[in-house]
């Protein structure tokens, strides 16, 4: 069975996000794929990243004053971003995973979700 051009491009975009642990931007994905896929457009990359994110297949990270980043790790975790080099780190701290319930219990609010991004100076930038 032949794979349509759109499906093939979407799969390539998805695999690029999954395989690149740098939390790539749309431009990174585009530049990474463009050399072997000259027909690929930046608009196609943006549309597919949006759709993959909307479908919960990847996560979108919105960092103030930076282009959106994409994360192929969809399990619950948090992120830290270096304020100097903008490297993004995955943070896996099990004690934080029930934060919605804790906030709901303490405030009486119905929590529908949250986003936490820690600001940091990474070890490389400290030196």
PDB file of N, CA and C in Angstrom:
ATOM      1  N   UNK A   1       0.841  -1.183   0.000  1.00  0.00           N
ATOM      2  CA  UNK A   1       0.000   0.000   0.000  1.00  0.00           C
ATOM      3  C   UNK A   1       0.886   1.247   0.000  1.00  0.00           C
ATOM      4  N   UNK A   2       0.620   2.168  -0.884  1.00  0.00           N
ATOM      5  CA  UNK A   2       1.407   3.396  -0.980  1.00  0.00           C
ATOM      6  C   UNK A   2       0.997   4.377   0.109  1.00  0.00           C
ATOM      7  N   UNK A   3       1.992   5.059   0.654  1.00  0.00           N
ATOM      8  CA  UNK A   3       1.728   6.088   1.658  1.00  0.00           C
ATOM      9  C   UNK A   3       1.629   7.419   0.937  1.00  0.00           C
ATOM     10  N   UNK A   4       0.604   8.181   1.234  1.00  0.00           N
ATOM     11  CA  UNK A   4       0.440   9.476   0.583  1.00  0.00           C
ATOM     12  C   UNK A   4       1.553  10.427   1.019  1.00  0.00           C
ATOM     13  N   UNK A   5       1.812  11.417   0.184  1.00  0.00           N
ATOM     14  CA  UNK A   5       2.857  12.408   0.462  1.00  0.00           C
ATOM     15  C   UNK A   5       2.631  13.070   1.816  1.00  0.00           C
ATOM     16  N   UNK A   6       1.377  13.460   2.087  1.00  0.00           N
ATOM     17  CA  UNK A   6       1.049  14.105   3.354  1.00  0.00           C
ATOM     18  C   UNK A   6       1.347  13.180   4.525  1.00  0.00           C
ATOM     19  N   UNK A   7       0.939  11.934   4.446  1.00  0.00           N
ATOM     20  CA  UNK A   7       1.174  10.977   5.526  1.00  0.00           C
ATOM     21  C   UNK A   7       2.659  10.729   5.713  1.00  0.00           C
ATOM     22  N   UNK A   8       3.392  10.629   4.629  1.00  0.00           N
ATOM     23  CA  UNK A   8       4.831  10.409   4.702  1.00  0.00           C
ATOM     24  C   UNK A   8       5.503  11.609   5.360  1.00  0.00           C
ATOM     25  N   UNK A   9       5.119  12.808   4.966  1.00  0.00           N
ATOM     26  CA  UNK A   9       5.708  14.006   5.561  1.00  0.00           C
ATOM     27  C   UNK A   9       5.367  14.093   7.042  1.00  0.00           C
ATOM     28  N   UNK A  10       4.128  13.791   7.384  1.00  0.00           N
ATOM     29  CA  UNK A  10       3.733  13.851   8.789  1.00  0.00           C
ATOM     30  C   UNK A  10       4.535  12.852   9.612  1.00  0.00           C
ATOM     31  N   UNK A  11       4.727  11.656   9.072  1.00  0.00           N
ATOM     32  CA  UNK A  11       5.507  10.645   9.777  1.00  0.00           C
ATOM     33  C   UNK A  11       6.958  11.094   9.947  1.00  0.00           C
ATOM     34  N   UNK A  12       7.540  11.707   8.928  1.00  0.00           N
ATOM     35  CA  UNK A  12       8.901  12.218   9.030  1.00  0.00           C
ATOM     36  C   UNK A  12       9.013  13.313  10.095  1.00  0.00           C
ATOM     37  N   UNK A  13       8.031  14.191  10.133  1.00  0.00           N
ATOM     38  CA  UNK A  13       8.008  15.277  11.117  1.00  0.00           C
ATOM     39  C   UNK A  13       7.882  14.703  12.523  1.00  0.00           C
ATOM     40  N   UNK A  14       6.969  13.758  12.691  1.00  0.00           N
ATOM     41  CA  UNK A  14       6.774  13.102  13.986  1.00  0.00           C
ATOM     42  C   UNK A  14       8.069  12.429  14.449  1.00  0.00           C
ATOM     43  N   UNK A  15       8.691  11.644  13.568  1.00  0.00           N
ATOM     44  CA  UNK A  15       9.920  10.940  13.915  1.00  0.00           C
ATOM     45  C   UNK A  15      11.043  11.911  14.271  1.00  0.00           C
ATOM     46  N   UNK A  16      11.099  13.038  13.599  1.00  0.00           N
ATOM     47  CA  UNK A  16      12.131  14.033  13.894  1.00  0.00           C
ATOM     48  C   UNK A  16      11.967  14.576  15.306  1.00  0.00           C
ATOM     49  N   UNK A  17      10.740  14.853  15.715  1.00  0.00           N
ATOM     50  CA  UNK A  17      10.496  15.341  17.078  1.00  0.00           C
ATOM     51  C   UNK A  17      10.839  14.259  18.091  1.00  0.00           C
ATOM     52  N   UNK A  18      10.423  13.030  17.826  1.00  0.00           N
ATOM     53  CA  UNK A  18      10.658  11.918  18.755  1.00  0.00           C
ATOM     54  C   UNK A  18      12.157  11.644  18.914  1.00  0.00           C
ATOM     55  N   UNK A  19      12.884  11.682  17.810  1.00  0.00           N
ATOM     56  CA  UNK A  19      14.297  11.286  17.820  1.00  0.00           C
ATOM     57  C   UNK A  19      15.251  12.394  18.262  1.00  0.00           C
ATOM     58  N   UNK A  20      14.814  13.642  18.225  1.00  0.00           N
ATOM     59  CA  UNK A  20      15.683  14.759  18.605  1.00  0.00           C
ATOM     60  C   UNK A  20      15.285  15.272  19.979  1.00  0.00           C
ATOM     61  N   UNK A  21      16.058  14.929  20.957  1.00  0.00           N
ATOM     62  CA  UNK A  21      15.735  15.233  22.355  1.00  0.00           C
ATOM     63  C   UNK A  21      16.002  16.684  22.724  1.00  0.00           C
ATOM     64  N   UNK A  22      16.281  17.536  21.733  1.00  0.00           N
ATOM     65  CA  UNK A  22      16.577  18.942  21.989  1.00  0.00           C
ATOM     66  C   UNK A  22      15.316  19.791  22.115  1.00  0.00           C
ATOM     67  N   UNK A  23      14.138  19.162  22.071  1.00  0.00           N
ATOM     68  CA  UNK A  23      12.886  19.899  22.067  1.00  0.00           C
ATOM     69  C   UNK A  23      12.891  20.861  20.871  1.00  0.00           C
ATOM     70  N   UNK A  24      12.858  20.301  19.655  1.00  0.00           N
ATOM     71  CA  UNK A  24      13.059  21.106  18.451  1.00  0.00           C
ATOM     72  C   UNK A  24      11.958  22.132  18.195  1.00  0.00           C
ATOM     73  N   UNK A  25      12.351  23.196  17.511  1.00  0.00           N
ATOM     74  CA  UNK A  25      11.401  24.189  17.000  1.00  0.00           C
ATOM     75  C   UNK A  25      10.915  23.707  15.633  1.00  0.00           C
ATOM     76  N   UNK A  26       9.906  24.371  15.092  1.00  0.00           N
ATOM     77  CA  UNK A  26       9.433  24.054  13.747  1.00  0.00           C
ATOM     78  C   UNK A  26      10.548  24.284  12.732  1.00  0.00           C
ATOM     79  N   UNK A  27      11.309  25.353  12.901  1.00  0.00           N
ATOM     80  CA  UNK A  27      12.408  25.632  11.969  1.00  0.00           C
ATOM     81  C   UNK A  27      13.487  24.559  12.035  1.00  0.00           C
ATOM     82  N   UNK A  28      13.782  24.051  13.227  1.00  0.00           N
ATOM     83  CA  UNK A  28      14.745  22.961  13.358  1.00  0.00           C
ATOM     84  C   UNK A  28      14.258  21.760  12.562  1.00  0.00           C
ATOM     85  N   UNK A  29      12.982  21.388  12.753  1.00  0.00           N
ATOM     86  CA  UNK A  29      12.410  20.233  12.054  1.00  0.00           C
ATOM     87  C   UNK A  29      12.493  20.451  10.545  1.00  0.00           C
ATOM     88  N   UNK A  30      12.105  21.629  10.106  1.00  0.00           N
ATOM     89  CA  UNK A  30      12.140  21.957   8.679  1.00  0.00           C
ATOM     90  C   UNK A  30      13.559  21.826   8.120  1.00  0.00           C
ATOM     91  N   UNK A  31      14.528  22.456   8.756  1.00  0.00           N
ATOM     92  CA  UNK A  31      15.910  22.416   8.281  1.00  0.00           C
ATOM     93  C   UNK A  31      16.495  21.008   8.335  1.00  0.00           C
ATOM     94  N   UNK A  32      16.118  20.236   9.336  1.00  0.00           N
ATOM     95  CA  UNK A  32      16.591  18.871   9.495  1.00  0.00           C
ATOM     96  C   UNK A  32      16.104  17.983   8.346  1.00  0.00           C
ATOM     97  N   UNK A  33      14.857  18.195   7.930  1.00  0.00           N
ATOM     98  CA  UNK A  33      14.256  17.346   6.901  1.00  0.00           C
ATOM     99  C   UNK A  33      14.432  17.863   5.480  1.00  0.00           C
ATOM    100  N   UNK A  34      14.625  19.148   5.318  1.00  0.00           N
ATOM    101  CA  UNK A  34      14.596  19.791   3.999  1.00  0.00           C
ATOM    102  C   UNK A  34      15.630  19.221   3.032  1.00  0.00           C
ATOM    103  N   UNK A  35      16.822  18.936   3.495  1.00  0.00           N
ATOM    104  CA  UNK A  35      17.876  18.482   2.579  1.00  0.00           C
ATOM    105  C   UNK A  35      17.511  17.174   1.874  1.00  0.00           C
ATOM    106  N   UNK A  36      16.818  16.275   2.554  1.00  0.00           N
ATOM    107  CA  UNK A  36      16.406  15.011   1.938  1.00  0.00           C
ATOM    108  C   UNK A  36      14.983  15.045   1.400  1.00  0.00           C
ATOM    109  N   UNK A  37      14.269  16.150   1.660  1.00  0.00           N
ATOM    110  CA  UNK A  37      12.872  16.290   1.242  1.00  0.00           C
ATOM    111  C   UNK A  37      12.666  17.697   0.694  1.00  0.00           C
ATOM    112  N   UNK A  38      13.215  17.973  -0.501  1.00  0.00           N
ATOM    113  CA  UNK A  38      13.186  19.345  -1.027  1.00  0.00           C
ATOM    114  C   UNK A  38      11.778  19.889  -1.273  1.00  0.00           C
ATOM    115  N   UNK A  39      10.782  19.026  -1.380  1.00  0.00           N
ATOM    116  CA  UNK A  39       9.413  19.476  -1.603  1.00  0.00           C
ATOM    117  C   UNK A  39       8.732  19.939  -0.308  1.00  0.00           C
ATOM    118  N   UNK A  40       9.345  19.694   0.825  1.00  0.00           N
ATOM    119  CA  UNK A  40       8.774  20.051   2.116  1.00  0.00           C
ATOM    120  C   UNK A  40       8.746  21.569   2.296  1.00  0.00           C
ATOM    121  N   UNK A  41       7.625  22.086   2.788  1.00  0.00           N
ATOM    122  CA  UNK A  41       7.528  23.524   3.068  1.00  0.00           C
ATOM    123  C   UNK A  41       7.451  23.752   4.572  1.00  0.00           C
ATOM    124  N   UNK A  42       7.865  24.938   4.990  1.00  0.00           N
ATOM    125  CA  UNK A  42       7.796  25.297   6.401  1.00  0.00           C
ATOM    126  C   UNK A  42       6.339  25.285   6.875  1.00  0.00           C
ATOM    127  N   UNK A  43       5.416  25.715   6.013  1.00  0.00           N
ATOM    128  CA  UNK A  43       3.996  25.688   6.353  1.00  0.00           C
ATOM    129  C   UNK A  43       3.511  24.278   6.644  1.00  0.00           C
ATOM    130  N   UNK A  44       3.982  23.304   5.870  1.00  0.00           N
ATOM    131  CA  UNK A  44       3.613  21.907   6.100  1.00  0.00           C
ATOM    132  C   UNK A  44       4.112  21.447   7.461  1.00  0.00           C
ATOM    133  N   UNK A  45       5.322  21.852   7.811  1.00  0.00           N
ATOM    134  CA  UNK A  45       5.882  21.485   9.114  1.00  0.00           C
ATOM    135  C   UNK A  45       5.026  22.090  10.228  1.00  0.00           C
ATOM    136  N   UNK A  46       4.719  23.375  10.136  1.00  0.00           N
ATOM    137  CA  UNK A  46       3.886  24.026  11.153  1.00  0.00           C
ATOM    138  C   UNK A  46       2.519  23.350  11.284  1.00  0.00           C
ATOM    139  N   UNK A  47       1.862  23.093  10.162  1.00  0.00           N
ATOM    140  CA  UNK A  47       0.531  22.463  10.195  1.00  0.00           C
ATOM    141  C   UNK A  47       0.572  21.085  10.844  1.00  0.00           C
ATOM    142  N   UNK A  48       1.577  20.304  10.480  1.00  0.00           N
ATOM    143  CA  UNK A  48       1.672  18.957  11.025  1.00  0.00           C
ATOM    144  C   UNK A  48       2.052  18.952  12.494  1.00  0.00           C
ATOM    145  N   UNK A  49       2.936  19.845  12.905  1.00  0.00           N
ATOM    146  CA  UNK A  49       3.267  19.949  14.324  1.00  0.00           C
ATOM    147  C   UNK A  49       2.034  20.352  15.133  1.00  0.00           C
ATOM    148  N   UNK A  50       1.250  21.278  14.584  1.00  0.00           N
ATOM    149  CA  UNK A  50       0.012  21.696  15.244  1.00  0.00           C
ATOM    150  C   UNK A  50      -0.935  20.507  15.399  1.00  0.00           C
ATOM    151  N   UNK A  51      -1.103  19.757  14.330  1.00  0.00           N
ATOM    152  CA  UNK A  51      -2.015  18.614  14.359  1.00  0.00           C
ATOM    153  C   UNK A  51      -1.513  17.524  15.310  1.00  0.00           C
ATOM    154  N   UNK A  52      -0.231  17.232  15.266  1.00  0.00           N
ATOM    155  CA  UNK A  52       0.339  16.243  16.183  1.00  0.00           C
ATOM    156  C   UNK A  52       0.171  16.678  17.640  1.00  0.00           C
ATOM    157  N   UNK A  53       0.360  17.955  17.889  1.00  0.00           N
ATOM    158  CA  UNK A  53       0.188  18.502  19.233  1.00  0.00           C
ATOM    159  C   UNK A  53      -1.284  18.449  19.658  1.00  0.00           C
ATOM    160  N   UNK A  54      -2.172  18.881  18.766  1.00  0.00           N
ATOM    161  CA  UNK A  54      -3.610  18.853  19.068  1.00  0.00           C
ATOM    162  C   UNK A  54      -4.105  17.438  19.360  1.00  0.00           C
ATOM    163  N   UNK A  55      -3.509  16.451  18.690  1.00  0.00           N
ATOM    164  CA  UNK A  55      -3.911  15.055  18.863  1.00  0.00           C
ATOM    165  C   UNK A  55      -3.233  14.386  20.051  1.00  0.00           C
ATOM    166  N   UNK A  56      -2.361  15.113  20.756  1.00  0.00           N
ATOM    167  CA  UNK A  56      -1.686  14.558  21.924  1.00  0.00           C
ATOM    168  C   UNK A  56      -0.555  13.601  21.592  1.00  0.00           C
ATOM    169  N   UNK A  57      -0.079  13.616  20.337  1.00  0.00           N
ATOM    170  CA  UNK A  57       1.005  12.731  19.940  1.00  0.00           C
ATOM    171  C   UNK A  57       2.368  13.301  20.310  1.00  0.00           C
ATOM    172  N   UNK A  58       2.438  14.616  20.443  1.00  0.00           N
ATOM    173  CA  UNK A  58       3.628  15.318  20.918  1.00  0.00           C
ATOM    174  C   UNK A  58       3.149  16.448  21.822  1.00  0.00           C
ATOM    175  N   UNK A  59       4.051  17.025  22.566  1.00  0.00           N
ATOM    176  CA  UNK A  59       3.717  18.172  23.418  1.00  0.00           C
ATOM    177  C   UNK A  59       4.325  19.437  22.845  1.00  0.00           C
ATOM    178  N   UNK A  60       3.594  20.530  22.973  1.00  0.00           N
ATOM    179  CA  UNK A  60       4.083  21.843  22.587  1.00  0.00           C
ATOM    180  C   UNK A  60       4.509  22.569  23.858  1.00  0.00           C
ATOM    181  N   UNK A  61       5.708  23.161  23.808  1.00  0.00           N
ATOM    182  CA  UNK A  61       6.203  23.960  24.922  1.00  0.00           C
ATOM    183  C   UNK A  61       6.242  25.414  24.494  1.00  0.00           C
ATOM    184  N   UNK A  62       5.528  26.247  25.210  1.00  0.00           N
ATOM    185  CA  UNK A  62       5.541  27.681  24.939  1.00  0.00           C
ATOM    186  C   UNK A  62       6.397  28.364  25.987  1.00  0.00           C
ATOM    187  N   UNK A  63       7.493  28.946  25.537  1.00  0.00           N
ATOM    188  CA  UNK A  63       8.435  29.627  26.416  1.00  0.00           C
ATOM    189  C   UNK A  63       8.418  31.100  26.027  1.00  0.00           C
ATOM    190  N   UNK A  64       8.189  31.988  26.989  1.00  0.00           N
ATOM    191  CA  UNK A  64       8.131  33.412  26.661  1.00  0.00           C
ATOM    192  C   UNK A  64       9.350  33.886  25.863  1.00  0.00           C
ATOM    193  N   UNK A  65       9.084  34.682  24.843  1.00  0.00           N
ATOM    194  CA  UNK A  65      10.112  35.290  23.989  1.00  0.00           C
ATOM    195  C   UNK A  65      10.935  34.283  23.194  1.00  0.00           C
ATOM    196  N   UNK A  66      10.414  33.096  23.010  1.00  0.00           N
ATOM    197  CA  UNK A  66      11.086  32.046  22.242  1.00  0.00           C
ATOM    198  C   UNK A  66      10.064  31.386  21.314  1.00  0.00           C
ATOM    199  N   UNK A  67      10.536  30.809  20.207  1.00  0.00           N
ATOM    200  CA  UNK A  67       9.598  30.046  19.374  1.00  0.00           C
ATOM    201  C   UNK A  67       9.137  28.798  20.126  1.00  0.00           C
ATOM    202  N   UNK A  68       7.937  28.329  19.813  1.00  0.00           N
ATOM    203  CA  UNK A  68       7.443  27.106  20.444  1.00  0.00           C
ATOM    204  C   UNK A  68       8.408  25.967  20.184  1.00  0.00           C
ATOM    205  N   UNK A  69       8.532  25.094  21.166  1.00  0.00           N
ATOM    206  CA  UNK A  69       9.341  23.885  21.065  1.00  0.00           C
ATOM    207  C   UNK A  69       8.394  22.700  21.124  1.00  0.00           C
ATOM    208  N   UNK A  70       8.856  21.563  20.657  1.00  0.00           N
ATOM    209  CA  UNK A  70       8.034  20.359  20.621  1.00  0.00           C
ATOM    210  C   UNK A  70       8.773  19.216  21.290  1.00  0.00           C
ATOM    211  N   UNK A  71       8.016  18.403  22.019  1.00  0.00           N
ATOM    212  CA  UNK A  71       8.573  17.340  22.840  1.00  0.00           C
ATOM    213  C   UNK A  71       7.882  16.036  22.491  1.00  0.00           C
ATOM    214  N   UNK A  72       8.665  15.031  22.135  1.00  0.00           N
ATOM    215  CA  UNK A  72       8.115  13.727  21.811  1.00  0.00           C
ATOM    216  C   UNK A  72       7.794  12.880  23.025  1.00  0.00           C
ATOM    217  N   UNK A  73       8.217  13.307  24.204  1.00  0.00           N
ATOM    218  CA  UNK A  73       7.913  12.574  25.433  1.00  0.00           C
ATOM    219  C   UNK A  73       6.549  13.061  25.920  1.00  0.00           C
ATOM    220  N   UNK A  74       5.554  12.212  25.802  1.00  0.00           N
ATOM    221  CA  UNK A  74       4.202  12.650  26.166  1.00  0.00           C
ATOM    222  C   UNK A  74       3.809  12.225  27.581  1.00  0.00           C
ATOM    223  N   UNK A  75       4.652  11.404  28.232  1.00  0.00           N
ATOM    224  CA  UNK A  75       4.375  11.059  29.622  1.00  0.00           C
ATOM    225  C   UNK A  75       4.502  12.324  30.464  1.00  0.00           C
ATOM    226  N   UNK A  76       3.788  12.352  31.576  1.00  0.00           N
ATOM    227  CA  UNK A  76       3.789  13.539  32.428  1.00  0.00           C
ATOM    228  C   UNK A  76       5.194  13.829  32.941  1.00  0.00           C
ATOM    229  N   UNK A  77       5.640  15.043  32.707  1.00  0.00           N
ATOM    230  CA  UNK A  77       6.923  15.522  33.217  1.00  0.00           C
ATOM    231  C   UNK A  77       6.948  17.034  33.068  1.00  0.00           C
ATOM    232  N   UNK A  78       7.955  17.639  33.619  1.00  0.00           N
ATOM    233  CA  UNK A  78       8.098  19.085  33.586  1.00  0.00           C
ATOM    234  C   UNK A  78       9.369  19.456  32.840  1.00  0.00           C
ATOM    235  N   UNK A  79       9.588  20.753  32.700  1.00  0.00           N
ATOM    236  CA  UNK A  79      10.757  21.228  31.965  1.00  0.00           C
ATOM    237  C   UNK A  79      11.445  22.351  32.724  1.00  0.00           C
ATOM    238  N   UNK A  80      12.744  22.439  32.494  1.00  0.00           N
ATOM    239  CA  UNK A  80      13.544  23.562  32.972  1.00  0.00           C
ATOM    240  C   UNK A  80      14.227  24.141  31.743  1.00  0.00           C
ATOM    241  N   UNK A  81      14.286  25.457  31.674  1.00  0.00           N
ATOM    242  CA  UNK A  81      14.939  26.121  30.544  1.00  0.00           C
ATOM    243  C   UNK A  81      16.047  27.021  31.079  1.00  0.00           C
ATOM    244  N   UNK A  82      17.224  26.891  30.488  1.00  0.00           N
ATOM    245  CA  UNK A  82      18.342  27.745  30.870  1.00  0.00           C
ATOM    246  C   UNK A  82      18.082  29.149  30.344  1.00  0.00           C
ATOM    247  N   UNK A  83      18.167  30.131  31.213  1.00  0.00           N
ATOM    248  CA  UNK A  83      17.898  31.515  30.827  1.00  0.00           C
ATOM    249  C   UNK A  83      18.997  32.103  29.955  1.00  0.00           C
ATOM    250  N   UNK A  84      20.152  31.444  29.869  1.00  0.00           N
ATOM    251  CA  UNK A  84      21.253  31.964  29.051  1.00  0.00           C
ATOM    252  C   UNK A  84      21.310  31.301  27.675  1.00  0.00           C
ATOM    253  N   UNK A  85      21.341  29.967  27.627  1.00  0.00           N
ATOM    254  CA  UNK A  85      21.509  29.266  26.345  1.00  0.00           C
ATOM    255  C   UNK A  85      20.203  28.688  25.801  1.00  0.00           C
ATOM    256  N   UNK A  86      19.126  28.745  26.568  1.00  0.00           N
ATOM    257  CA  UNK A  86      17.779  28.279  26.198  1.00  0.00           C
ATOM    258  C   UNK A  86      17.721  26.763  25.980  1.00  0.00           C
ATOM    259  N   UNK A  87      18.681  26.022  26.552  1.00  0.00           N
ATOM    260  CA  UNK A  87      18.591  24.569  26.531  1.00  0.00           C
ATOM    261  C   UNK A  87      17.434  24.152  27.430  1.00  0.00           C
ATOM    262  N   UNK A  88      16.672  23.162  26.970  1.00  0.00           N
ATOM    263  CA  UNK A  88      15.522  22.688  27.733  1.00  0.00           C
ATOM    264  C   UNK A  88      15.834  21.306  28.287  1.00  0.00           C
ATOM    265  N   UNK A  89      15.539  21.125  29.561  1.00  0.00           N
ATOM    266  CA  UNK A  89      15.787  19.870  30.262  1.00  0.00           C
ATOM    267  C   UNK A  89      14.464  19.268  30.707  1.00  0.00           C
ATOM    268  N   UNK A  90      14.344  17.944  30.582  1.00  0.00           N
ATOM    269  CA  UNK A  90      13.188  17.236  31.117  1.00  0.00           C
ATOM    270  C   UNK A  90      13.378  17.051  32.612  1.00  0.00           C
ATOM    271  N   UNK A  91      12.317  17.267  33.367  1.00  0.00           N
ATOM    272  CA  UNK A  91      12.331  17.096  34.819  1.00  0.00           C
ATOM    273  C   UNK A  91      11.279  16.042  35.174  1.00  0.00           C
ATOM    274  N   UNK A  92      11.728  14.948  35.773  1.00  0.00           N
ATOM    275  CA  UNK A  92      10.827  13.867  36.192  1.00  0.00           C
ATOM    276  C   UNK A  92      10.888  13.779  37.713  1.00  0.00           C
ATOM    277  N   UNK A  93       9.905  14.384  38.385  1.00  0.00           N
ATOM    278  CA  UNK A  93       9.834  14.347  39.844  1.00  0.00           C
ATOM    279  C   UNK A  93       8.437  13.845  40.203  1.00  0.00           C
ATOM    280  N   UNK A  94       8.371  12.592  40.612  1.00  0.00           N
ATOM    281  CA  UNK A  94       7.086  11.942  40.860  1.00  0.00           C
ATOM    282  C   UNK A  94       6.224  12.679  41.880  1.00  0.00           C
ATOM    283  N   UNK A  95       6.852  13.298  42.867  1.00  0.00           N
ATOM    284  CA  UNK A  95       6.082  13.976  43.911  1.00  0.00           C
ATOM    285  C   UNK A  95       5.263  15.145  43.360  1.00  0.00           C
ATOM    286  N   UNK A  96       5.611  15.636  42.187  1.00  0.00           N
ATOM    287  CA  UNK A  96       4.899  16.786  41.624  1.00  0.00           C
ATOM    288  C   UNK A  96       3.704  16.376  40.763  1.00  0.00           C
ATOM    289  N   UNK A  97       3.595  15.100  40.418  1.00  0.00           N
ATOM    290  CA  UNK A  97       2.581  14.683  39.461  1.00  0.00           C
ATOM    291  C   UNK A  97       1.159  14.828  39.985  1.00  0.00           C
ATOM    292  N   UNK A  98       0.977  14.941  41.282  1.00  0.00           N
ATOM    293  CA  UNK A  98      -0.363  15.087  41.847  1.00  0.00           C
ATOM    294  C   UNK A  98      -0.648  16.534  42.244  1.00  0.00           C
ATOM    295  N   UNK A  99       0.053  17.470  41.637  1.00  0.00           N
ATOM    296  CA  UNK A  99      -0.076  18.880  42.012  1.00  0.00           C
ATOM    297  C   UNK A  99      -1.489  19.415  41.742  1.00  0.00           C
ATOM    298  N   UNK A 100      -2.155  18.935  40.691  1.00  0.00           N
ATOM    299  CA  UNK A 100      -3.527  19.383  40.406  1.00  0.00           C
ATOM    300  C   UNK A 100      -4.454  19.100  41.591  1.00  0.00           C
ATOM    301  N   UNK A 101      -4.363  17.882  42.126  1.00  0.00           N
ATOM    302  CA  UNK A 101      -5.212  17.510  43.263  1.00  0.00           C
ATOM    303  C   UNK A 101      -4.896  18.349  44.491  1.00  0.00           C
ATOM    304  N   UNK A 102      -3.623  18.591  44.731  1.00  0.00           N
ATOM    305  CA  UNK A 102      -3.204  19.391  45.884  1.00  0.00           C
ATOM    306  C   UNK A 102      -3.744  20.814  45.782  1.00  0.00           C
ATOM    307  N   UNK A 103      -3.604  21.421  44.610  1.00  0.00           N
ATOM    308  CA  UNK A 103      -4.100  22.789  44.420  1.00  0.00           C
ATOM    309  C   UNK A 103      -5.621  22.817  44.531  1.00  0.00           C
ATOM    310  N   UNK A 104      -6.295  21.847  43.959  1.00  0.00           N
ATOM    311  CA  UNK A 104      -7.762  21.786  44.050  1.00  0.00           C
ATOM    312  C   UNK A 104      -8.206  21.656  45.505  1.00  0.00           C
ATOM    313  N   UNK A 105      -7.528  20.804  46.249  1.00  0.00           N
ATOM    314  CA  UNK A 105      -7.860  20.599  47.658  1.00  0.00           C
ATOM    315  C   UNK A 105      -7.645  21.873  48.474  1.00  0.00           C
ATOM    316  N   UNK A 106      -6.562  22.584  48.227  1.00  0.00           N
ATOM    317  CA  UNK A 106      -6.218  23.776  49.003  1.00  0.00           C
ATOM    318  C   UNK A 106      -7.054  24.999  48.619  1.00  0.00           C
ATOM    319  N   UNK A 107      -7.522  25.051  47.362  1.00  0.00           N
ATOM    320  CA  UNK A 107      -8.212  26.257  46.884  1.00  0.00           C
ATOM    321  C   UNK A 107      -9.694  26.077  46.608  1.00  0.00           C
ATOM    322  N   UNK A 108     -10.128  24.832  46.433  1.00  0.00           N
ATOM    323  CA  UNK A 108     -11.519  24.589  46.061  1.00  0.00           C
ATOM    324  C   UNK A 108     -11.775  24.824  44.574  1.00  0.00           C
ATOM    325  N   UNK A 109     -10.753  25.088  43.809  1.00  0.00           N
ATOM    326  CA  UNK A 109     -10.899  25.312  42.368  1.00  0.00           C
ATOM    327  C   UNK A 109     -10.912  23.985  41.624  1.00  0.00           C
ATOM    328  N   UNK A 110     -11.602  23.949  40.499  1.00  0.00           N
ATOM    329  CA  UNK A 110     -11.561  22.779  39.623  1.00  0.00           C
ATOM    330  C   UNK A 110     -10.403  22.963  38.657  1.00  0.00           C
ATOM    331  N   UNK A 111      -9.322  22.265  38.896  1.00  0.00           N
ATOM    332  CA  UNK A 111      -8.112  22.397  38.088  1.00  0.00           C
ATOM    333  C   UNK A 111      -8.289  21.558  36.819  1.00  0.00           C
ATOM    334  N   UNK A 112      -8.083  22.182  35.676  1.00  0.00           N
ATOM    335  CA  UNK A 112      -8.220  21.479  34.394  1.00  0.00           C
ATOM    336  C   UNK A 112      -6.870  21.161  33.762  1.00  0.00           C
ATOM    337  N   UNK A 113      -5.805  21.631  34.352  1.00  0.00           N
ATOM    338  CA  UNK A 113      -4.467  21.371  33.833  1.00  0.00           C
ATOM    339  C   UNK A 113      -3.509  22.433  34.319  1.00  0.00           C
ATOM    340  N   UNK A 114      -2.258  22.270  33.978  1.00  0.00           N
ATOM    341  CA  UNK A 114      -1.254  23.255  34.367  1.00  0.00           C
ATOM    342  C   UNK A 114      -0.026  23.127  33.463  1.00  0.00           C
ATOM    343  N   UNK A 115       0.774  24.168  33.469  1.00  0.00           N
ATOM    344  CA  UNK A 115       2.059  24.178  32.776  1.00  0.00           C
ATOM    345  C   UNK A 115       3.072  24.768  33.736  1.00  0.00           C
ATOM    346  N   UNK A 116       4.143  24.030  33.947  1.00  0.00           N
ATOM    347  CA  UNK A 116       5.208  24.518  34.811  1.00  0.00           C
ATOM    348  C   UNK A 116       6.509  24.404  34.036  1.00  0.00           C
ATOM    349  N   UNK A 117       7.210  25.511  33.916  1.00  0.00           N
ATOM    350  CA  UNK A 117       8.542  25.512  33.317  1.00  0.00           C
ATOM    351  C   UNK A 117       9.463  26.223  34.303  1.00  0.00           C
ATOM    352  N   UNK A 118      10.464  25.510  34.759  1.00  0.00           N
ATOM    353  CA  UNK A 118      11.424  26.077  35.690  1.00  0.00           C
ATOM    354  C   UNK A 118      12.471  26.878  34.932  1.00  0.00           C
ATOM    355  N   UNK A 119      12.814  28.039  35.482  1.00  0.00           N
ATOM    356  CA  UNK A 119      13.898  28.846  34.923  1.00  0.00           C
ATOM    357  C   UNK A 119      15.173  28.467  35.655  1.00  0.00           C
ATOM    358  N   UNK A 120      16.245  28.349  34.916  1.00  0.00           N
ATOM    359  CA  UNK A 120      17.500  27.887  35.525  1.00  0.00           C
ATOM    360  C   UNK A 120      18.697  28.484  34.787  1.00  0.00           C
ATOM    361  N   UNK A 121      19.844  28.299  35.374  1.00  0.00           N
ATOM    362  CA  UNK A 121      21.124  28.506  34.687  1.00  0.00           C
ATOM    363  C   UNK A 121      21.764  27.119  34.673  1.00  0.00           C
ATOM    364  N   UNK A 122      21.990  26.588  33.486  1.00  0.00           N
ATOM    365  CA  UNK A 122      22.500  25.218  33.371  1.00  0.00           C
ATOM    366  C   UNK A 122      23.968  25.142  33.792  1.00  0.00           C
ATOM    367  N   UNK A 123      24.460  23.938  34.063  1.00  0.00           N
ATOM    368  CA  UNK A 123      25.850  23.787  34.475  1.00  0.00           C
ATOM    369  C   UNK A 123      26.868  24.355  33.480  1.00  0.00           C
ATOM    370  N   UNK A 124      26.584  24.246  32.180  1.00  0.00           N
ATOM    371  CA  UNK A 124      27.516  24.773  31.171  1.00  0.00           C
ATOM    372  C   UNK A 124      27.606  26.291  31.273  1.00  0.00           C
ATOM    373  N   UNK A 125      26.460  26.946  31.458  1.00  0.00           N
ATOM    374  CA  UNK A 125      26.440  28.414  31.523  1.00  0.00           C
ATOM    375  C   UNK A 125      26.965  28.944  32.857  1.00  0.00           C
ATOM    376  N   UNK A 126      26.925  28.161  33.897  1.00  0.00           N
ATOM    377  CA  UNK A 126      27.474  28.578  35.194  1.00  0.00           C
ATOM    378  C   UNK A 126      28.973  28.789  35.118  1.00  0.00           C
ATOM    379  N   UNK A 127      29.619  28.001  34.274  1.00  0.00           N
ATOM    380  CA  UNK A 127      31.095  28.043  34.191  1.00  0.00           C
ATOM    381  C   UNK A 127      31.578  29.190  33.364  1.00  0.00           C
TER     382      UNK A 127
END
